[in-house]
Amino acid sequence: MSTRVIFVGGVHGVGKSTLARMLAERLGGNFYSAGQLIKSGLTGGLTSDKRVSNADGNQAILISEFNRAKERDLPKVIVLDGHFVLAVDTGNIVPVSFSVFRGLGITEMLCVVDNPDEIRNRLSQRDGALPEGIDIDAMQVAEAGHAREVSVMLGVPLHFGTPSELARLELSAK
């Protein structure tokens, strides 16, 4: 059985988890969070500032934990939220490797974008503060650019929009 894997990516606070949960429910699928999958496979913890110190190691954990959940749950549809790029502990923005998306078996992608001021407001309300050292505007541009590259490399459809626009997107239950 082939699993349909819809990747919902975007910057912290853009609304990707809310959108991904809603889509999973609408499509009768399972919702997984890349961050939660990585946390479940880590012996240590993730930092609270949203920056990553071991991007490659975390992505290997993500693929392993994702495949474990997929084998355990046997879903027909998975909606996975995550990032196309990461803010690393040096302050740089780095793209997630194409091999990670390939390893996850992504079949279609959504890149969630929004007004950077709205994103900052959501982050302040949700987390009580903005992540230190992360430029939301630059990160959102990098997310969108790498999403396009991944879509072309994998040959999978990519949809862009705000959370409300993508919530109205007609994704069939296939």
Protein backbone atom coordinates (compact mmCIF):
# COMPACT_ATOMS: atom_id res chain seq x y z
CA MET A 1 0.00 0.00 0.00
CA SER A 2 1.37 3.39 -0.99
CA THR A 3 1.02 6.15 1.58
CA ARG A 4 0.18 9.66 0.46
CA VAL A 5 2.52 12.03 2.33
CA ILE A 6 1.61 15.72 2.33
CA PHE A 7 4.36 17.95 3.73
CA VAL A 8 3.23 21.28 5.22
CA GLY A 9 6.22 23.59 5.63
CA GLY A 10 6.79 27.15 6.75
CA VAL A 11 8.43 29.32 9.39
CA HIS A 12 7.79 29.01 13.09
CA GLY A 13 4.41 30.53 13.98
CA VAL A 14 2.98 30.70 10.45
CA GLY A 15 0.14 28.28 11.29
CA LYS A 16 1.41 25.08 9.68
CA SER A 17 0.53 22.75 12.58
CA THR A 18 -3.03 24.03 12.81
CA LEU A 19 -3.42 23.71 9.05
CA ALA A 20 -1.80 20.25 8.95
CA ARG A 21 -4.06 18.91 11.72
CA MET A 22 -7.14 20.24 9.93
CA LEU A 23 -6.07 18.70 6.61
CA ALA A 24 -5.31 15.34 8.23
CA GLU A 25 -8.75 15.29 9.80
CA ARG A 26 -10.47 16.33 6.55
CA LEU A 27 -8.59 13.67 4.55
CA GLY A 28 -9.00 10.92 7.15
CA GLY A 29 -5.25 10.73 7.66
CA ASN A 30 -2.67 10.96 10.41
CA PHE A 31 -0.96 14.18 11.52
CA TYR A 32 2.69 14.09 12.54
CA SER A 33 4.91 16.97 13.59
CA ALA A 34 8.55 16.78 12.47
CA GLY A 35 9.60 18.50 15.70
CA GLN A 36 7.72 16.01 17.86
CA LEU A 37 9.11 13.05 15.91
CA ILE A 38 12.64 14.38 16.37
CA LYS A 39 12.05 14.99 20.09
CA SER A 40 10.78 11.43 20.51
CA GLY A 41 14.01 10.07 19.04
CA LEU A 42 16.43 12.34 20.89
CA THR A 43 18.21 11.37 24.07
CA GLY A 44 18.76 15.07 24.84
CA GLY A 45 16.33 17.88 24.13
CA LEU A 46 15.84 20.61 21.56
CA THR A 47 16.72 24.18 22.44
CA SER A 48 13.87 26.56 23.16
CA ASP A 49 15.23 29.27 20.82
CA LYS A 50 14.20 27.34 17.66
CA ARG A 51 17.81 27.05 16.45
CA VAL A 52 19.29 23.66 15.62
CA SER A 53 22.75 22.49 16.66
CA ASN A 54 22.81 19.13 14.85
CA ALA A 55 20.70 19.51 11.72
CA ASP A 56 21.95 16.37 9.97
CA GLY A 57 21.54 14.19 13.06
CA ASN A 58 18.06 15.54 13.70
CA GLN A 59 17.00 14.88 10.10
CA ALA A 60 18.23 11.27 10.35
CA ILE A 61 16.16 10.91 13.53
CA LEU A 62 13.16 12.44 11.74
CA ILE A 63 13.31 9.91 8.89
CA SER A 64 13.73 7.00 11.31
CA GLU A 65 10.90 8.08 13.63
CA PHE A 66 8.63 8.95 10.69
CA ASN A 67 9.11 5.51 9.14
CA ARG A 68 8.56 3.85 12.52
CA ALA A 69 5.25 5.73 12.98
CA LYS A 70 4.23 4.97 9.40
CA GLU A 71 4.88 1.23 9.86
CA ARG A 72 3.09 1.22 13.22
CA ASP A 73 -0.01 3.17 12.15
CA LEU A 74 -0.28 2.08 8.49
CA PRO A 75 -2.07 5.27 7.42
CA LYS A 76 -3.23 5.86 3.86
CA VAL A 77 -2.59 9.60 4.26
CA ILE A 78 -0.01 11.39 6.39
CA VAL A 79 0.12 15.14 6.83
CA LEU A 80 3.54 16.09 8.21
CA ASP A 81 4.43 19.58 9.36
CA GLY A 82 8.03 20.76 9.31
CA HIS A 83 10.48 23.12 7.68
CA PHE A 84 12.12 23.47 4.29
CA VAL A 85 15.01 25.35 5.93
CA LEU A 86 16.45 25.46 9.44
CA ALA A 87 17.99 28.19 11.56
CA VAL A 88 21.19 26.65 12.90
CA ASP A 89 22.99 27.61 16.07
CA THR A 90 25.43 29.82 14.13
CA GLY A 91 22.49 32.02 13.11
CA ASN A 92 22.62 30.88 9.49
CA ILE A 93 19.65 29.55 7.54
CA VAL A 94 20.37 26.21 5.89
CA PRO A 95 18.17 24.18 3.54
CA VAL A 96 16.97 20.75 4.57
CA SER A 97 18.61 18.23 2.24
CA PHE A 98 16.65 16.90 -0.73
CA SER A 99 17.49 13.42 0.55
CA VAL A 100 15.39 14.06 3.68
CA PHE A 101 12.28 14.83 1.64
CA ARG A 102 13.01 11.81 -0.55
CA GLY A 103 13.50 9.65 2.56
CA LEU A 104 10.12 10.79 3.89
CA GLY A 105 8.40 9.79 0.64
CA ILE A 106 6.78 13.21 0.15
CA THR A 107 4.09 13.10 -2.54
CA GLU A 108 2.89 16.72 -2.36
CA MET A 109 3.79 19.90 -0.50
CA LEU A 110 2.24 23.03 0.90
CA CYS A 111 4.34 26.07 1.77
CA VAL A 112 2.53 28.23 4.29
CA VAL A 113 3.32 31.94 4.12
CA ASP A 114 1.89 34.98 5.85
CA ASN A 115 2.54 38.58 6.73
CA PRO A 116 5.73 38.60 8.87
CA ASP A 117 4.11 40.94 11.42
CA GLU A 118 1.23 38.46 11.84
CA ILE A 119 3.75 35.65 12.33
CA ARG A 120 5.62 37.67 14.97
CA ASN A 121 2.32 38.37 16.75
CA ARG A 122 1.44 34.64 16.77
CA LEU A 123 4.87 33.71 18.10
CA SER A 124 4.65 36.32 20.86
CA GLN A 125 1.21 35.08 21.88
CA ARG A 126 2.10 31.38 21.66
CA ASP A 127 5.63 31.39 23.07
CA GLY A 128 5.62 34.59 25.11
CA ALA A 129 8.59 35.92 23.10
CA LEU A 130 10.12 35.95 19.65
CA PRO A 131 12.87 33.42 18.92
CA GLU A 132 16.22 35.10 19.46
CA GLY A 133 18.46 35.53 16.44
CA ILE A 134 15.93 34.37 13.83
CA ASP A 135 14.95 36.79 11.06
CA ILE A 136 11.35 35.77 10.24
CA ASP A 137 11.34 37.72 6.96
CA ALA A 138 14.57 36.13 5.66
CA MET A 139 13.55 32.69 6.89
CA GLN A 140 10.18 32.89 5.11
CA VAL A 141 11.88 33.88 1.82
CA ALA A 142 14.33 30.98 2.24
CA GLU A 143 11.49 28.53 3.04
CA ALA A 144 9.61 29.51 -0.13
CA GLY A 145 12.71 29.36 -2.32
CA HIS A 146 13.78 25.94 -1.09
CA ALA A 147 10.20 24.63 -1.31
CA ARG A 148 10.28 25.42 -5.03
CA GLU A 149 13.62 23.63 -5.42
CA VAL A 150 12.42 20.54 -3.54
CA SER A 151 9.23 20.42 -5.60
CA VAL A 152 11.22 20.44 -8.84
CA MET A 153 13.79 17.91 -7.58
CA LEU A 154 11.12 15.47 -6.40
CA GLY A 155 8.64 16.20 -9.17
CA VAL A 156 5.82 16.74 -6.68
CA PRO A 157 3.10 19.40 -6.65
CA LEU A 158 3.62 22.48 -4.48
CA HIS A 159 0.93 24.87 -3.25
CA PHE A 160 1.67 28.28 -1.69
CA GLY A 161 -0.66 30.37 0.44
CA THR A 162 -1.66 31.74 3.77
CA PRO A 163 -3.15 29.30 6.29
CA SER A 164 -6.69 30.39 5.37
CA GLU A 165 -6.02 30.13 1.62
CA LEU A 166 -4.50 26.66 1.94
CA ALA A 167 -7.33 25.53 4.22
CA ARG A 168 -9.69 26.15 1.31
CA LEU A 169 -7.48 24.20 -1.12
CA GLU A 170 -9.30 21.27 -2.65
CA LEU A 171 -7.12 18.30 -1.79
CA SER A 172 -9.04 15.19 -2.70
CA ALA A 173 -9.01 12.20 -0.38
CA LYS A 174 -7.60 10.13 -3.33
